[in-house]
PDB file of N, CA and C in Angstrom:
ATOM      1  N   MET A   1      22.390  -2.650   0.774  1.00  0.00           N
ATOM      2  CA  MET A   1      21.298  -2.167  -0.064  1.00  0.00           C
ATOM      3  C   MET A   1      20.703  -3.306  -0.891  1.00  0.00           C
ATOM      4  N   LEU A   2      21.575  -4.133  -1.466  1.00  0.00           N
ATOM      5  CA  LEU A   2      21.102  -5.239  -2.281  1.00  0.00           C
ATOM      6  C   LEU A   2      20.326  -6.252  -1.437  1.00  0.00           C
ATOM      7  N   ARG A   3      20.784  -6.483  -0.204  1.00  0.00           N
ATOM      8  CA  ARG A   3      20.064  -7.394   0.681  1.00  0.00           C
ATOM      9  C   ARG A   3      18.697  -6.819   1.064  1.00  0.00           C
ATOM     10  N   GLY A   4      18.623  -5.510   1.222  1.00  0.00           N
ATOM     11  CA  GLY A   4      17.347  -4.875   1.540  1.00  0.00           C
ATOM     12  C   GLY A   4      16.343  -5.041   0.415  1.00  0.00           C
ATOM     13  N   ILE A   5      16.779  -4.815  -0.817  1.00  0.00           N
ATOM     14  CA  ILE A   5      15.888  -4.988  -1.972  1.00  0.00           C
ATOM     15  C   ILE A   5      15.493  -6.454  -2.109  1.00  0.00           C
ATOM     16  N   ALA A   6      16.458  -7.355  -1.880  1.00  0.00           N
ATOM     17  CA  ALA A   6      16.145  -8.783  -1.952  1.00  0.00           C
ATOM     18  C   ALA A   6      15.113  -9.165  -0.884  1.00  0.00           C
ATOM     19  N   THR A   7      15.230  -8.578   0.303  1.00  0.00           N
ATOM     20  CA  THR A   7      14.262  -8.854   1.363  1.00  0.00           C
ATOM     21  C   THR A   7      12.882  -8.349   0.977  1.00  0.00           C
ATOM     22  N   LEU A   8      12.808  -7.131   0.423  1.00  0.00           N
ATOM     23  CA  LEU A   8      11.524  -6.589  -0.017  1.00  0.00           C
ATOM     24  C   LEU A   8      10.899  -7.475  -1.095  1.00  0.00           C
ATOM     25  N   LEU A   9      11.716  -7.904  -2.042  1.00  0.00           N
ATOM     26  CA  LEU A   9      11.206  -8.764  -3.108  1.00  0.00           C
ATOM     27  C   LEU A   9      10.809 -10.142  -2.578  1.00  0.00           C
ATOM     28  N   MET A  10      11.545 -10.642  -1.558  1.00  0.00           N
ATOM     29  CA  MET A  10      11.193 -11.926  -0.968  1.00  0.00           C
ATOM     30  C   MET A  10       9.808 -11.855  -0.316  1.00  0.00           C
ATOM     31  N   PHE A  11       9.550 -10.779   0.428  1.00  0.00           N
ATOM     32  CA  PHE A  11       8.240 -10.646   1.057  1.00  0.00           C
ATOM     33  C   PHE A  11       7.150 -10.438   0.019  1.00  0.00           C
ATOM     34  N   GLN A  12       7.465  -9.753  -1.075  1.00  0.00           N
ATOM     35  CA  GLN A  12       6.478  -9.616  -2.146  1.00  0.00           C
ATOM     36  C   GLN A  12       6.179 -10.985  -2.759  1.00  0.00           C
ATOM     37  N   LEU A  13       7.200 -11.799  -2.964  1.00  0.00           N
ATOM     38  CA  LEU A  13       7.007 -13.146  -3.504  1.00  0.00           C
ATOM     39  C   LEU A  13       6.179 -14.004  -2.554  1.00  0.00           C
ATOM     40  N   ILE A  14       6.467 -13.906  -1.256  1.00  0.00           N
ATOM     41  CA  ILE A  14       5.689 -14.663  -0.278  1.00  0.00           C
ATOM     42  C   ILE A  14       4.227 -14.219  -0.326  1.00  0.00           C
ATOM     43  N   GLY A  15       4.003 -12.917  -0.398  1.00  0.00           N
ATOM     44  CA  GLY A  15       2.638 -12.408  -0.487  1.00  0.00           C
ATOM     45  C   GLY A  15       1.928 -12.879  -1.743  1.00  0.00           C
ATOM     46  N   GLU A  16       2.613 -12.803  -2.867  1.00  0.00           N
ATOM     47  CA  GLU A  16       2.021 -13.266  -4.131  1.00  0.00           C
ATOM     48  C   GLU A  16       1.701 -14.757  -4.057  1.00  0.00           C
ATOM     49  N   SER A  17       2.595 -15.529  -3.460  1.00  0.00           N
ATOM     50  CA  SER A  17       2.378 -16.974  -3.346  1.00  0.00           C
ATOM     51  C   SER A  17       1.175 -17.278  -2.464  1.00  0.00           C
ATOM     52  N   LEU A  18       1.071 -16.574  -1.346  1.00  0.00           N
ATOM     53  CA  LEU A  18      -0.072 -16.797  -0.454  1.00  0.00           C
ATOM     54  C   LEU A  18      -1.391 -16.440  -1.128  1.00  0.00           C
ATOM     55  N   VAL A  19      -1.394 -15.356  -1.876  1.00  0.00           N
ATOM     56  CA  VAL A  19      -2.616 -14.957  -2.588  1.00  0.00           C
ATOM     57  C   VAL A  19      -2.955 -15.976  -3.673  1.00  0.00           C
ATOM     58  N   PHE A  20      -1.940 -16.437  -4.380  1.00  0.00           N
ATOM     59  CA  PHE A  20      -2.171 -17.430  -5.437  1.00  0.00           C
ATOM     60  C   PHE A  20      -2.722 -18.724  -4.869  1.00  0.00           C
ATOM     61  N   LEU A  21      -2.161 -19.176  -3.743  1.00  0.00           N
ATOM     62  CA  LEU A  21      -2.584 -20.443  -3.151  1.00  0.00           C
ATOM     63  C   LEU A  21      -3.939 -20.346  -2.450  1.00  0.00           C
ATOM     64  N   SER A  22      -4.190 -19.211  -1.811  1.00  0.00           N
ATOM     65  CA  SER A  22      -5.427 -19.086  -1.035  1.00  0.00           C
ATOM     66  C   SER A  22      -6.573 -18.453  -1.821  1.00  0.00           C
ATOM     67  N   LYS A  23      -6.273 -17.853  -2.955  1.00  0.00           N
ATOM     68  CA  LYS A  23      -7.277 -17.209  -3.814  1.00  0.00           C
ATOM     69  C   LYS A  23      -8.013 -16.067  -3.104  1.00  0.00           C
ATOM     70  N   ILE A  24      -7.362 -15.415  -2.140  1.00  0.00           N
ATOM     71  CA  ILE A  24      -8.000 -14.272  -1.488  1.00  0.00           C
ATOM     72  C   ILE A  24      -7.930 -13.068  -2.417  1.00  0.00           C
ATOM     73  N   PRO A  25      -8.951 -12.207  -2.403  1.00  0.00           N
ATOM     74  CA  PRO A  25      -8.998 -11.081  -3.341  1.00  0.00           C
ATOM     75  C   PRO A  25      -8.226  -9.856  -2.831  1.00  0.00           C
ATOM     76  N   VAL A  26      -6.963 -10.047  -2.509  1.00  0.00           N
ATOM     77  CA  VAL A  26      -6.102  -8.967  -2.028  1.00  0.00           C
ATOM     78  C   VAL A  26      -4.821  -9.026  -2.856  1.00  0.00           C
ATOM     79  N   PRO A  27      -4.269  -7.884  -3.253  1.00  0.00           N
ATOM     80  CA  PRO A  27      -3.022  -7.913  -4.020  1.00  0.00           C
ATOM     81  C   PRO A  27      -1.886  -8.561  -3.219  1.00  0.00           C
ATOM     82  N   GLY A  28      -1.097  -9.365  -3.893  1.00  0.00           N
ATOM     83  CA  GLY A  28       0.024 -10.052  -3.260  1.00  0.00           C
ATOM     84  C   GLY A  28       1.025  -9.119  -2.606  1.00  0.00           C
ATOM     85  N   PRO A  29       1.411  -8.009  -3.253  1.00  0.00           N
ATOM     86  CA  PRO A  29       2.350  -7.105  -2.606  1.00  0.00           C
ATOM     87  C   PRO A  29       1.814  -6.520  -1.291  1.00  0.00           C
ATOM     88  N   VAL A  30       0.500  -6.344  -1.205  1.00  0.00           N
ATOM     89  CA  VAL A  30      -0.083  -5.834   0.041  1.00  0.00           C
ATOM     90  C   VAL A  30       0.068  -6.880   1.146  1.00  0.00           C
ATOM     91  N   VAL A  31      -0.199  -8.146   0.828  1.00  0.00           N
ATOM     92  CA  VAL A  31      -0.026  -9.217   1.805  1.00  0.00           C
ATOM     93  C   VAL A  31       1.436  -9.303   2.233  1.00  0.00           C
ATOM     94  N   GLY A  32       2.353  -9.217   1.276  1.00  0.00           N
ATOM     95  CA  GLY A  32       3.778  -9.252   1.596  1.00  0.00           C
ATOM     96  C   GLY A  32       4.192  -8.084   2.473  1.00  0.00           C
ATOM     97  N   LEU A  33       3.645  -6.907   2.205  1.00  0.00           N
ATOM     98  CA  LEU A  33       3.970  -5.732   3.016  1.00  0.00           C
ATOM     99  C   LEU A  33       3.460  -5.890   4.441  1.00  0.00           C
ATOM    100  N   VAL A  34       2.260  -6.444   4.590  1.00  0.00           N
ATOM    101  CA  VAL A  34       1.719  -6.690   5.930  1.00  0.00           C
ATOM    102  C   VAL A  34       2.588  -7.705   6.666  1.00  0.00           C
ATOM    103  N   LEU A  35       3.010  -8.766   5.981  1.00  0.00           N
ATOM    104  CA  LEU A  35       3.891  -9.750   6.604  1.00  0.00           C
ATOM    105  C   LEU A  35       5.228  -9.129   7.015  1.00  0.00           C
ATOM    106  N   LEU A  36       5.793  -8.290   6.160  1.00  0.00           N
ATOM    107  CA  LEU A  36       7.037  -7.603   6.500  1.00  0.00           C
ATOM    108  C   LEU A  36       6.838  -6.719   7.716  1.00  0.00           C
ATOM    109  N   PHE A  37       5.721  -6.007   7.772  1.00  0.00           N
ATOM    110  CA  PHE A  37       5.418  -5.156   8.914  1.00  0.00           C
ATOM    111  C   PHE A  37       5.349  -5.977  10.197  1.00  0.00           C
ATOM    112  N   VAL A  38       4.670  -7.130  10.126  1.00  0.00           N
ATOM    113  CA  VAL A  38       4.543  -7.987  11.311  1.00  0.00           C
ATOM    114  C   VAL A  38       5.921  -8.473  11.764  1.00  0.00           C
ATOM    115  N   VAL A  39       6.748  -8.914  10.831  1.00  0.00           N
ATOM    116  CA  VAL A  39       8.086  -9.400  11.185  1.00  0.00           C
ATOM    117  C   VAL A  39       8.918  -8.274  11.783  1.00  0.00           C
ATOM    118  N   LEU A  40       8.836  -7.083  11.217  1.00  0.00           N
ATOM    119  CA  LEU A  40       9.595  -5.953  11.759  1.00  0.00           C
ATOM    120  C   LEU A  40       9.108  -5.577  13.155  1.00  0.00           C
ATOM    121  N   GLN A  41       7.807  -5.638  13.387  1.00  0.00           N
ATOM    122  CA  GLN A  41       7.280  -5.321  14.718  1.00  0.00           C
ATOM    123  C   GLN A  41       7.695  -6.370  15.742  1.00  0.00           C
ATOM    124  N   ILE A  42       7.674  -7.623  15.358  1.00  0.00           N
ATOM    125  CA  ILE A  42       8.120  -8.679  16.267  1.00  0.00           C
ATOM    126  C   ILE A  42       9.602  -8.480  16.605  1.00  0.00           C
ATOM    127  N   GLY A  43      10.396  -8.162  15.607  1.00  0.00           N
ATOM    128  CA  GLY A  43      11.815  -7.910  15.852  1.00  0.00           C
ATOM    129  C   GLY A  43      12.041  -6.703  16.740  1.00  0.00           C
ATOM    130  N   ARG A  44      11.252  -5.659  16.539  1.00  0.00           N
ATOM    131  CA  ARG A  44      11.389  -4.455  17.356  1.00  0.00           C
ATOM    132  C   ARG A  44      11.041  -4.744  18.810  1.00  0.00           C
ATOM    133  N   ARG A  45       9.989  -5.523  19.021  1.00  0.00           N
ATOM    134  CA  ARG A  45       9.603  -5.867  20.394  1.00  0.00           C
ATOM    135  C   ARG A  45      10.626  -6.781  21.059  1.00  0.00           C
ATOM    136  N   ALA A  46      11.348  -7.552  20.242  1.00  0.00           N
ATOM    137  CA  ALA A  46      12.390  -8.427  20.781  1.00  0.00           C
ATOM    138  C   ALA A  46      13.659  -7.648  21.106  1.00  0.00           C
ATOM    139  N   GLY A  47      13.700  -6.391  20.675  1.00  0.00           N
ATOM    140  CA  GLY A  47      14.830  -5.534  21.027  1.00  0.00           C
ATOM    141  C   GLY A  47      15.901  -5.374  19.970  1.00  0.00           C
ATOM    142  N   HIS A  48      15.643  -5.827  18.763  1.00  0.00           N
ATOM    143  CA  HIS A  48      16.619  -5.627  17.698  1.00  0.00           C
ATOM    144  C   HIS A  48      15.907  -5.428  16.366  1.00  0.00           C
ATOM    145  N   ALA A  49      16.620  -4.847  15.431  1.00  0.00           N
ATOM    146  CA  ALA A  49      16.066  -4.630  14.101  1.00  0.00           C
ATOM    147  C   ALA A  49      16.423  -5.836  13.236  1.00  0.00           C
ATOM    148  N   PRO A  50      15.431  -6.637  12.810  1.00  0.00           N
ATOM    149  CA  PRO A  50      15.751  -7.858  12.074  1.00  0.00           C
ATOM    150  C   PRO A  50      16.311  -7.614  10.672  1.00  0.00           C
ATOM    151  N   PHE A  51      15.928  -6.524  10.036  1.00  0.00           N
ATOM    152  CA  PHE A  51      16.381  -6.244   8.675  1.00  0.00           C
ATOM    153  C   PHE A  51      16.835  -4.788   8.563  1.00  0.00           C
ATOM    154  N   PRO A  52      18.016  -4.447   9.048  1.00  0.00           N
ATOM    155  CA  PRO A  52      18.437  -3.042   8.946  1.00  0.00           C
ATOM    156  C   PRO A  52      18.651  -2.590   7.502  1.00  0.00           C
ATOM    157  N   GLN A  53      18.915  -3.538   6.601  1.00  0.00           N
ATOM    158  CA  GLN A  53      19.133  -3.171   5.199  1.00  0.00           C
ATOM    159  C   GLN A  53      17.833  -2.750   4.522  1.00  0.00           C
ATOM    160  N   VAL A  54      16.698  -3.199   5.056  1.00  0.00           N
ATOM    161  CA  VAL A  54      15.407  -2.865   4.441  1.00  0.00           C
ATOM    162  C   VAL A  54      15.162  -1.365   4.518  1.00  0.00           C
ATOM    163  N   GLU A  55      15.543  -0.750   5.634  1.00  0.00           N
ATOM    164  CA  GLU A  55      15.342   0.699   5.781  1.00  0.00           C
ATOM    165  C   GLU A  55      16.133   1.473   4.737  1.00  0.00           C
ATOM    166  N   ALA A  56      17.379   1.080   4.509  1.00  0.00           N
ATOM    167  CA  ALA A  56      18.197   1.769   3.507  1.00  0.00           C
ATOM    168  C   ALA A  56      17.605   1.597   2.113  1.00  0.00           C
ATOM    169  N   ALA A  57      17.163   0.387   1.790  1.00  0.00           N
ATOM    170  CA  ALA A  57      16.565   0.141   0.474  1.00  0.00           C
ATOM    171  C   ALA A  57      15.264   0.917   0.321  1.00  0.00           C
ATOM    172  N   ALA A  58      14.443   0.932   1.380  1.00  0.00           N
ATOM    173  CA  ALA A  58      13.170   1.649   1.320  1.00  0.00           C
ATOM    174  C   ALA A  58      13.391   3.146   1.145  1.00  0.00           C
ATOM    175  N   ASN A  59      14.357   3.700   1.862  1.00  0.00           N
ATOM    176  CA  ASN A  59      14.650   5.133   1.719  1.00  0.00           C
ATOM    177  C   ASN A  59      15.123   5.463   0.314  1.00  0.00           C
ATOM    178  N   THR A  60      15.938   4.607  -0.270  1.00  0.00           N
ATOM    179  CA  THR A  60      16.402   4.833  -1.643  1.00  0.00           C
ATOM    180  C   THR A  60      15.239   4.782  -2.620  1.00  0.00           C
ATOM    181  N   LEU A  61      14.347   3.800  -2.438  1.00  0.00           N
ATOM    182  CA  LEU A  61      13.181   3.714  -3.320  1.00  0.00           C
ATOM    183  C   LEU A  61      12.270   4.927  -3.157  1.00  0.00           C
ATOM    184  N   LEU A  62      12.112   5.397  -1.928  1.00  0.00           N
ATOM    185  CA  LEU A  62      11.253   6.554  -1.693  1.00  0.00           C
ATOM    186  C   LEU A  62      11.825   7.834  -2.299  1.00  0.00           C
ATOM    187  N   THR A  63      13.145   7.974  -2.294  1.00  0.00           N
ATOM    188  CA  THR A  63      13.733   9.180  -2.891  1.00  0.00           C
ATOM    189  C   THR A  63      13.536   9.203  -4.404  1.00  0.00           C
ATOM    190  N   ASN A  64      13.378   8.025  -5.007  1.00  0.00           N
ATOM    191  CA  ASN A  64      13.181   7.944  -6.459  1.00  0.00           C
ATOM    192  C   ASN A  64      11.745   7.608  -6.830  1.00  0.00           C
ATOM    193  N   LEU A  65      10.813   7.829  -5.913  1.00  0.00           N
ATOM    194  CA  LEU A  65       9.418   7.473  -6.139  1.00  0.00           C
ATOM    195  C   LEU A  65       8.815   8.212  -7.337  1.00  0.00           C
ATOM    196  N   GLY A  66       9.254   9.436  -7.560  1.00  0.00           N
ATOM    197  CA  GLY A  66       8.724  10.219  -8.677  1.00  0.00           C
ATOM    198  C   GLY A  66       8.922   9.546 -10.023  1.00  0.00           C
ATOM    199  N   LEU A  67       9.984   8.772 -10.161  1.00  0.00           N
ATOM    200  CA  LEU A  67      10.239   8.083 -11.430  1.00  0.00           C
ATOM    201  C   LEU A  67       9.165   7.042 -11.742  1.00  0.00           C
ATOM    202  N   LEU A  68       8.511   6.530 -10.724  1.00  0.00           N
ATOM    203  CA  LEU A  68       7.490   5.514 -10.950  1.00  0.00           C
ATOM    204  C   LEU A  68       6.223   6.103 -11.573  1.00  0.00           C
ATOM    205  N   PHE A  69       6.067   7.425 -11.532  1.00  0.00           N
ATOM    206  CA  PHE A  69       4.897   8.054 -12.116  1.00  0.00           C
ATOM    207  C   PHE A  69       5.089   8.387 -13.597  1.00  0.00           C
ATOM    208  N   VAL A  70       6.302   8.255 -14.102  1.00  0.00           N
ATOM    209  CA  VAL A  70       6.565   8.565 -15.507  1.00  0.00           C
ATOM    210  C   VAL A  70       5.767   7.645 -16.440  1.00  0.00           C
ATOM    211  N   PRO A  71       5.753   6.321 -16.236  1.00  0.00           N
ATOM    212  CA  PRO A  71       4.956   5.488 -17.154  1.00  0.00           C
ATOM    213  C   PRO A  71       3.463   5.828 -17.130  1.00  0.00           C
ATOM    214  N   ALA A  72       2.938   6.164 -15.962  1.00  0.00           N
ATOM    215  CA  ALA A  72       1.519   6.544 -15.894  1.00  0.00           C
ATOM    216  C   ALA A  72       1.276   7.833 -16.674  1.00  0.00           C
ATOM    217  N   GLY A  73       2.175   8.784 -16.549  1.00  0.00           N
ATOM    218  CA  GLY A  73       2.046  10.038 -17.297  1.00  0.00           C
ATOM    219  C   GLY A  73       2.122   9.811 -18.804  1.00  0.00           C
ATOM    220  N   VAL A  74       3.012   8.948 -19.231  1.00  0.00           N
ATOM    221  CA  VAL A  74       3.123   8.619 -20.656  1.00  0.00           C
ATOM    222  C   VAL A  74       1.837   7.945 -21.141  1.00  0.00           C
ATOM    223  N   GLY A  75       1.266   7.078 -20.305  1.00  0.00           N
ATOM    224  CA  GLY A  75       0.013   6.418 -20.673  1.00  0.00           C
ATOM    225  C   GLY A  75      -1.121   7.408 -20.835  1.00  0.00           C
ATOM    226  N   VAL A  76      -1.191   8.387 -19.943  1.00  0.00           N
ATOM    227  CA  VAL A  76      -2.243   9.405 -20.040  1.00  0.00           C
ATOM    228  C   VAL A  76      -2.083  10.203 -21.324  1.00  0.00           C
ATOM    229  N   VAL A  77      -0.864  10.600 -21.639  1.00  0.00           N
ATOM    230  CA  VAL A  77      -0.637  11.392 -22.850  1.00  0.00           C
ATOM    231  C   VAL A  77      -0.940  10.564 -24.102  1.00  0.00           C
ATOM    232  N   SER A  78      -0.511   9.304 -24.104  1.00  0.00           N
ATOM    233  CA  SER A  78      -0.719   8.488 -25.309  1.00  0.00           C
ATOM    234  C   SER A  78      -2.188   8.105 -25.505  1.00  0.00           C
ATOM    235  N   LEU A  79      -2.968   8.052 -24.434  1.00  0.00           N
ATOM    236  CA  LEU A  79      -4.390   7.700 -24.547  1.00  0.00           C
ATOM    237  C   LEU A  79      -5.297   8.901 -24.318  1.00  0.00           C
ATOM    238  N   TRP A  80      -4.814  10.084 -24.623  1.00  0.00           N
ATOM    239  CA  TRP A  80      -5.572  11.297 -24.381  1.00  0.00           C
ATOM    240  C   TRP A  80      -6.910  11.299 -25.115  1.00  0.00           C
ATOM    241  N   GLY A  81      -6.947  10.763 -26.318  1.00  0.00           N
ATOM    242  CA  GLY A  81      -8.196  10.716 -27.084  1.00  0.00           C
ATOM    243  C   GLY A  81      -9.256   9.871 -26.390  1.00  0.00           C
ATOM    244  N   VAL A  82      -8.853   8.750 -25.850  1.00  0.00           N
ATOM    245  CA  VAL A  82      -9.783   7.884 -25.126  1.00  0.00           C
ATOM    246  C   VAL A  82     -10.261   8.594 -23.867  1.00  0.00           C
ATOM    247  N   LEU A  83      -9.356   9.253 -23.170  1.00  0.00           N
ATOM    248  CA  LEU A  83      -9.727   9.982 -21.960  1.00  0.00           C
ATOM    249  C   LEU A  83     -10.746  11.075 -22.258  1.00  0.00           C
ATOM    250  N   LYS A  84     -10.540  11.791 -23.359  1.00  0.00           N
ATOM    251  CA  LYS A  84     -11.478  12.855 -23.714  1.00  0.00           C
ATOM    252  C   LYS A  84     -12.854  12.291 -24.041  1.00  0.00           C
ATOM    253  N   SER A  85     -12.899  11.171 -24.752  1.00  0.00           N
ATOM    254  CA  SER A  85     -14.198  10.608 -25.145  1.00  0.00           C
ATOM    255  C   SER A  85     -14.928   9.968 -23.958  1.00  0.00           C
ATOM    256  N   GLU A  86     -14.199   9.557 -22.937  1.00  0.00           N
ATOM    257  CA  GLU A  86     -14.797   8.921 -21.756  1.00  0.00           C
ATOM    258  C   GLU A  86     -14.710   9.814 -20.519  1.00  0.00           C
ATOM    259  N   ALA A  87     -14.651  11.120 -20.733  1.00  0.00           N
ATOM    260  CA  ALA A  87     -14.439  12.054 -19.616  1.00  0.00           C
ATOM    261  C   ALA A  87     -15.576  12.020 -18.594  1.00  0.00           C
ATOM    262  N   ALA A  88     -16.818  11.970 -19.044  1.00  0.00           N
ATOM    263  CA  ALA A  88     -17.952  11.991 -18.107  1.00  0.00           C
ATOM    264  C   ALA A  88     -17.969  10.756 -17.198  1.00  0.00           C
ATOM    265  N   PRO A  89     -17.874   9.529 -17.734  1.00  0.00           N
ATOM    266  CA  PRO A  89     -17.853   8.371 -16.835  1.00  0.00           C
ATOM    267  C   PRO A  89     -16.657   8.374 -15.887  1.00  0.00           C
ATOM    268  N   ILE A  90     -15.503   8.805 -16.384  1.00  0.00           N
ATOM    269  CA  ILE A  90     -14.317   8.862 -15.536  1.00  0.00           C
ATOM    270  C   ILE A  90     -14.524   9.858 -14.401  1.00  0.00           C
ATOM    271  N   ALA A  91     -15.094  11.006 -14.709  1.00  0.00           N
ATOM    272  CA  ALA A  91     -15.343  12.024 -13.678  1.00  0.00           C
ATOM    273  C   ALA A  91     -16.340  11.511 -12.638  1.00  0.00           C
ATOM    274  N   ILE A  92     -17.383  10.830 -13.088  1.00  0.00           N
ATOM    275  CA  ILE A  92     -18.375  10.280 -12.153  1.00  0.00           C
ATOM    276  C   ILE A  92     -17.731   9.262 -11.230  1.00  0.00           C
ATOM    277  N   VAL A  93     -16.935   8.364 -11.789  1.00  0.00           N
ATOM    278  CA  VAL A  93     -16.262   7.350 -10.982  1.00  0.00           C
ATOM    279  C   VAL A  93     -15.302   8.003  -9.988  1.00  0.00           C
ATOM    280  N   LEU A  94     -14.585   9.019 -10.402  1.00  0.00           N
ATOM    281  CA  LEU A  94     -13.659   9.706  -9.497  1.00  0.00           C
ATOM    282  C   LEU A  94     -14.398  10.369  -8.335  1.00  0.00           C
ATOM    283  N   VAL A  95     -15.490  11.040  -8.635  1.00  0.00           N
ATOM    284  CA  VAL A  95     -16.245  11.728  -7.582  1.00  0.00           C
ATOM    285  C   VAL A  95     -16.878  10.718  -6.621  1.00  0.00           C
ATOM    286  N   VAL A  96     -17.504   9.679  -7.168  1.00  0.00           N
ATOM    287  CA  VAL A  96     -18.142   8.674  -6.314  1.00  0.00           C
ATOM    288  C   VAL A  96     -17.101   7.935  -5.461  1.00  0.00           C
ATOM    289  N   SER A  97     -15.988   7.550  -6.063  1.00  0.00           N
ATOM    290  CA  SER A  97     -14.966   6.830  -5.296  1.00  0.00           C
ATOM    291  C   SER A  97     -14.350   7.717  -4.229  1.00  0.00           C
ATOM    292  N   ALA A  98     -14.173   9.000  -4.512  1.00  0.00           N
ATOM    293  CA  ALA A  98     -13.649   9.918  -3.495  1.00  0.00           C
ATOM    294  C   ALA A  98     -14.635  10.061  -2.338  1.00  0.00           C
ATOM    295  N   ALA A  99     -15.924  10.155  -2.654  1.00  0.00           N
ATOM    296  CA  ALA A  99     -16.939  10.272  -1.604  1.00  0.00           C
ATOM    297  C   ALA A  99     -17.010   9.003  -0.761  1.00  0.00           C
ATOM    298  N   VAL A 100     -16.963   7.838  -1.403  1.00  0.00           N
ATOM    299  CA  VAL A 100     -16.999   6.570  -0.672  1.00  0.00           C
ATOM    300  C   VAL A 100     -15.747   6.428   0.206  1.00  0.00           C
ATOM    301  N   THR A 101     -14.602   6.779  -0.326  1.00  0.00           N
ATOM    302  CA  THR A 101     -13.365   6.708   0.449  1.00  0.00           C
ATOM    303  C   THR A 101     -13.423   7.631   1.653  1.00  0.00           C
ATOM    304  N   LEU A 102     -13.928   8.830   1.457  1.00  0.00           N
ATOM    305  CA  LEU A 102     -14.057   9.776   2.569  1.00  0.00           C
ATOM    306  C   LEU A 102     -15.022   9.239   3.621  1.00  0.00           C
ATOM    307  N   ALA A 103     -16.148   8.692   3.196  1.00  0.00           N
ATOM    308  CA  ALA A 103     -17.126   8.154   4.152  1.00  0.00           C
ATOM    309  C   ALA A 103     -16.553   6.976   4.932  1.00  0.00           C
ATOM    310  N   ILE A 104     -15.849   6.082   4.264  1.00  0.00           N
ATOM    311  CA  ILE A 104     -15.254   4.928   4.948  1.00  0.00           C
ATOM    312  C   ILE A 104     -14.153   5.380   5.904  1.00  0.00           C
ATOM    313  N   THR A 105     -13.383   6.373   5.508  1.00  0.00           N
ATOM    314  CA  THR A 105     -12.335   6.892   6.383  1.00  0.00           C
ATOM    315  C   THR A 105     -12.929   7.503   7.639  1.00  0.00           C
ATOM    316  N   VAL A 106     -13.974   8.300   7.484  1.00  0.00           N
ATOM    317  CA  VAL A 106     -14.634   8.907   8.648  1.00  0.00           C
ATOM    318  C   VAL A 106     -15.231   7.826   9.539  1.00  0.00           C
ATOM    319  N   TRP A 107     -15.903   6.835   8.945  1.00  0.00           N
ATOM    320  CA  TRP A 107     -16.493   5.758   9.724  1.00  0.00           C
ATOM    321  C   TRP A 107     -15.416   4.991  10.495  1.00  0.00           C
ATOM    322  N   THR A 108     -14.274   4.712   9.848  1.00  0.00           N
ATOM    323  CA  THR A 108     -13.179   4.005  10.510  1.00  0.00           C
ATOM    324  C   THR A 108     -12.624   4.826  11.658  1.00  0.00           C
ATOM    325  N   PHE A 109     -12.459   6.125  11.450  1.00  0.00           N
ATOM    326  CA  PHE A 109     -11.959   6.991  12.510  1.00  0.00           C
ATOM    327  C   PHE A 109     -12.914   6.990  13.708  1.00  0.00           C
ATOM    328  N   ILE A 110     -14.212   7.114  13.437  1.00  0.00           N
ATOM    329  CA  ILE A 110     -15.198   7.127  14.523  1.00  0.00           C
ATOM    330  C   ILE A 110     -15.197   5.791  15.261  1.00  0.00           C
ATOM    331  N   ALA A 111     -15.148   4.684  14.529  1.00  0.00           N
ATOM    332  CA  ALA A 111     -15.129   3.364  15.164  1.00  0.00           C
ATOM    333  C   ALA A 111     -13.868   3.181  16.007  1.00  0.00           C
ATOM    334  N   ALA A 112     -12.716   3.608  15.484  1.00  0.00           N
ATOM    335  CA  ALA A 112     -11.471   3.483  16.241  1.00  0.00           C
ATOM    336  C   ALA A 112     -11.510   4.364  17.481  1.00  0.00           C
ATOM    337  N   ARG A 113     -12.046   5.550  17.347  1.00  0.00           N
ATOM    338  CA  ARG A 113     -12.124   6.453  18.498  1.00  0.00           C
ATOM    339  C   ARG A 113     -13.023   5.869  19.592  1.00  0.00           C
ATOM    340  N   ARG A 114     -14.174   5.328  19.199  1.00  0.00           N
ATOM    341  CA  ARG A 114     -15.061   4.696  20.187  1.00  0.00           C
ATOM    342  C   ARG A 114     -14.375   3.510  20.853  1.00  0.00           C
ATOM    343  N   TYR A 115     -13.675   2.713  20.066  1.00  0.00           N
ATOM    344  CA  TYR A 115     -12.983   1.544  20.609  1.00  0.00           C
ATOM    345  C   TYR A 115     -11.936   1.967  21.635  1.00  0.00           C
ATOM    346  N   PHE A 116     -11.115   2.950  21.276  1.00  0.00           N
ATOM    347  CA  PHE A 116     -10.050   3.364  22.182  1.00  0.00           C
ATOM    348  C   PHE A 116     -10.589   4.140  23.379  1.00  0.00           C
ATOM    349  N   ASP A 117     -11.704   4.850  23.208  1.00  0.00           N
ATOM    350  CA  ASP A 117     -12.324   5.511  24.359  1.00  0.00           C
ATOM    351  C   ASP A 117     -12.817   4.477  25.362  1.00  0.00           C
ATOM    352  N   LYS A 118     -13.412   3.387  24.883  1.00  0.00           N
ATOM    353  CA  LYS A 118     -13.865   2.322  25.780  1.00  0.00           C
ATOM    354  C   LYS A 118     -12.674   1.621  26.423  1.00  0.00           C
ATOM    355  N   LYS A 119     -11.632   1.393  25.614  1.00  0.00           N
ATOM    356  CA  LYS A 119     -10.473   0.651  26.112  1.00  0.00           C
ATOM    357  C   LYS A 119      -9.733   1.408  27.201  1.00  0.00           C
ATOM    358  N   TRP A 120      -9.583   2.719  27.021  1.00  0.00           N
ATOM    359  CA  TRP A 120      -8.815   3.529  27.973  1.00  0.00           C
ATOM    360  C   TRP A 120      -9.701   4.319  28.932  1.00  0.00           C
ATOM    361  N   GLY A 121     -10.998   4.177  28.806  1.00  0.00           N
ATOM    362  CA  GLY A 121     -11.922   4.818  29.728  1.00  0.00           C
ATOM    363  C   GLY A 121     -11.946   6.325  29.670  1.00  0.00           C
ATOM    364  N   ALA A 122     -11.715   6.872  28.510  1.00  0.00           N
ATOM    365  CA  ALA A 122     -11.702   8.329  28.380  1.00  0.00           C
ATOM    366  C   ALA A 122     -13.081   8.874  28.122  1.00  0.00           C
TER     367      ALA A 122
END
């Protein structure tokens, strides 16, 4: 379990380092997660699991995922006055961002479907 967490943190550090050095506008943990995914896929195709401890650590973190929302909930309660005074702009941003996310998701699905239809001749 400890090796799994260390592996996850190592990939996060690698991602953060790459973002810091390259100045790309992507969060470091996302880059690290993509790198971990690539390494795991390469290992899977080679016929073995390169980091079996990562699965155990990830499952443990996922079972306790609810605890990570406690600080956000405390922040909402402690800043309730600010939220009430800025309710209209927050609501507008939420609605617009949800609509943009939905439109991009639909566009991505349509593009992927067209790509795979051409690729497989369906």
